[in-house]
Structure formats: C-alpha cells, structure tokens
Amino acid sequence: MVAKKKVKKAVCWSKGDYTKIIYRLTPLSGTMEENSFPKKVKLALSILLIFGALAFYWAWGVLYNSWNIFDGSNMGVYSIVVIMLAFGILGLFLVRAKN
C-alpha cells in the first residue's frame, strides 16, 4: 500500500487566509544595530546645542534689552532656548549613559 503524501495548498491572500507570516529581510537590517554615529560627534552636537541656546538668549537680550522671562512678548524666544537646552542636556546624558 502506498502512503499518501499531504499536499499543502498555496495560501490564498485574497480570501483572508493570513496564517502564514512572511518575513522580508531589508538591506538595512544588518546596520540597524550598529552604532555608525561616532560618540564624539554626538557629544559635540549636544555641547553645540547648549552653547547655541545660551548665545541665542544672550544675543536676544543684548539686541532688544529684554531679560524679563515673565514678559509675555518674549515667551517664544525663551521657549526656543528651553528646547535647545533640553535637547543638549538630554544628548549629554545619552552619550554618557552606559548600556
């Protein structure tokens, strides 16, 4: 007696049979885990953001003689400075963090 082989049917995607998962390897899959951005460049960009924020705050204060943080007309300037400082400090913490 000859044993019958089970024949797998092709998955028909149009009928809603999504039981087979297909993984596709992308060309970038190998480079995602690598640290291609040097640590010194990250540190330099973080320090540049901090000094840039302080220079922007100082230049705005000198040009427009506006050092009052609570003045409503200067809130946009101070919000830019705070965001630049926050990203610079966060970058410093991330560069120095150990895995």
Protein backbone atom coordinates (compact mmCIF):
# COMPACT_ATOMS: atom_id res chain seq x y z
CA MET A 1 0.00 0.00 0.00
CA VAL A 2 1.37 3.41 -0.98
CA ALA A 3 1.30 6.14 1.66
CA LYS A 4 -0.44 9.27 0.56
CA LYS A 5 1.51 12.48 0.92
CA LYS A 6 -0.22 15.51 2.29
CA VAL A 7 -0.09 18.31 -0.21
CA LYS A 8 -0.01 21.82 1.21
CA LYS A 9 -2.25 24.19 -0.61
CA ALA A 10 -0.97 27.60 -1.57
CA VAL A 11 -2.07 30.38 0.74
CA CYS A 12 -4.73 32.47 -0.85
CA TRP A 13 -4.29 36.03 0.41
CA SER A 14 -7.39 37.32 -1.31
CA LYS A 15 -9.70 35.05 0.68
CA GLY A 16 -8.40 36.20 4.05
CA ASP A 17 -6.14 33.29 4.98
CA TYR A 18 -3.34 35.19 6.73
CA THR A 19 -1.94 32.29 8.72
CA LYS A 20 1.47 32.31 7.06
CA ILE A 21 3.76 35.11 8.18
CA ILE A 22 6.35 36.26 5.71
CA TYR A 23 9.47 37.99 6.98
CA ARG A 24 11.33 40.07 4.48
CA LEU A 25 14.94 40.97 5.12
CA THR A 26 15.74 44.54 4.22
CA PRO A 27 19.19 45.72 3.23
CA LEU A 28 19.27 47.93 6.35
CA SER A 29 18.52 45.13 8.77
CA GLY A 30 22.19 44.46 9.49
CA THR A 31 23.07 48.11 10.03
CA MET A 32 20.29 48.96 12.47
CA GLU A 33 22.11 47.54 15.46
CA GLU A 34 25.48 49.04 14.60
CA ASN A 35 26.50 52.38 16.08
CA SER A 36 27.51 54.21 12.94
CA PHE A 37 27.37 57.69 14.50
CA PRO A 38 30.57 58.41 16.49
CA LYS A 39 30.32 59.25 20.17
CA LYS A 40 32.44 62.38 19.76
CA VAL A 41 30.06 63.81 17.16
CA LYS A 42 27.08 63.22 19.47
CA LEU A 43 28.93 64.94 22.30
CA ALA A 44 29.91 67.87 20.07
CA LEU A 45 26.31 68.35 18.87
CA SER A 46 25.00 68.29 22.42
CA ILE A 47 27.52 70.86 23.59
CA LEU A 48 26.82 72.96 20.50
CA LEU A 49 23.11 72.97 21.34
CA ILE A 50 23.79 74.12 24.89
CA PHE A 51 26.18 76.90 23.87
CA GLY A 52 23.90 77.87 20.99
CA ALA A 53 20.96 78.25 23.35
CA LEU A 54 22.98 80.40 25.75
CA ALA A 55 24.35 82.52 22.90
CA PHE A 56 20.87 82.97 21.43
CA TYR A 57 19.49 84.05 24.82
CA TRP A 58 22.36 86.47 25.39
CA ALA A 59 22.16 87.96 21.85
CA TRP A 60 18.41 88.46 22.11
CA GLY A 61 18.79 90.13 25.50
CA VAL A 62 21.51 92.48 24.24
CA LEU A 63 19.73 93.41 20.99
CA TYR A 64 16.28 94.00 22.46
CA ASN A 65 17.19 94.74 26.10
CA SER A 66 14.68 92.15 27.26
CA TRP A 67 15.87 90.00 30.14
CA ASN A 68 12.47 89.52 31.78
CA ILE A 69 11.41 85.88 31.49
CA PHE A 70 7.85 86.66 32.58
CA ASP A 71 7.20 89.24 29.85
CA GLY A 72 4.56 87.84 27.50
CA SER A 73 6.14 89.24 24.35
CA ASN A 74 9.35 87.23 24.89
CA MET A 75 7.85 83.80 25.53
CA GLY A 76 8.72 82.49 22.05
CA VAL A 77 12.39 83.28 22.49
CA TYR A 78 12.57 81.62 25.86
CA SER A 79 10.69 78.55 24.65
CA ILE A 80 13.28 78.08 21.87
CA VAL A 81 16.08 78.45 24.41
CA VAL A 82 14.48 75.92 26.76
CA ILE A 83 14.01 73.37 23.95
CA MET A 84 17.61 73.77 22.78
CA LEU A 85 18.90 73.41 26.35
CA ALA A 86 16.71 70.37 26.97
CA PHE A 87 17.91 68.57 23.84
CA GLY A 88 21.54 69.46 24.61
CA ILE A 89 21.35 68.19 28.18
CA LEU A 90 19.44 65.09 27.10
CA GLY A 91 22.09 64.42 24.47
CA LEU A 92 24.84 64.69 27.10
CA PHE A 93 23.02 62.22 29.32
CA LEU A 94 22.51 59.79 26.45
CA VAL A 95 26.15 59.98 25.35
CA ARG A 96 27.39 59.29 28.85
CA ALA A 97 24.83 56.57 29.67
CA LYS A 98 26.17 53.04 29.91
CA ASN A 99 24.38 50.22 28.16
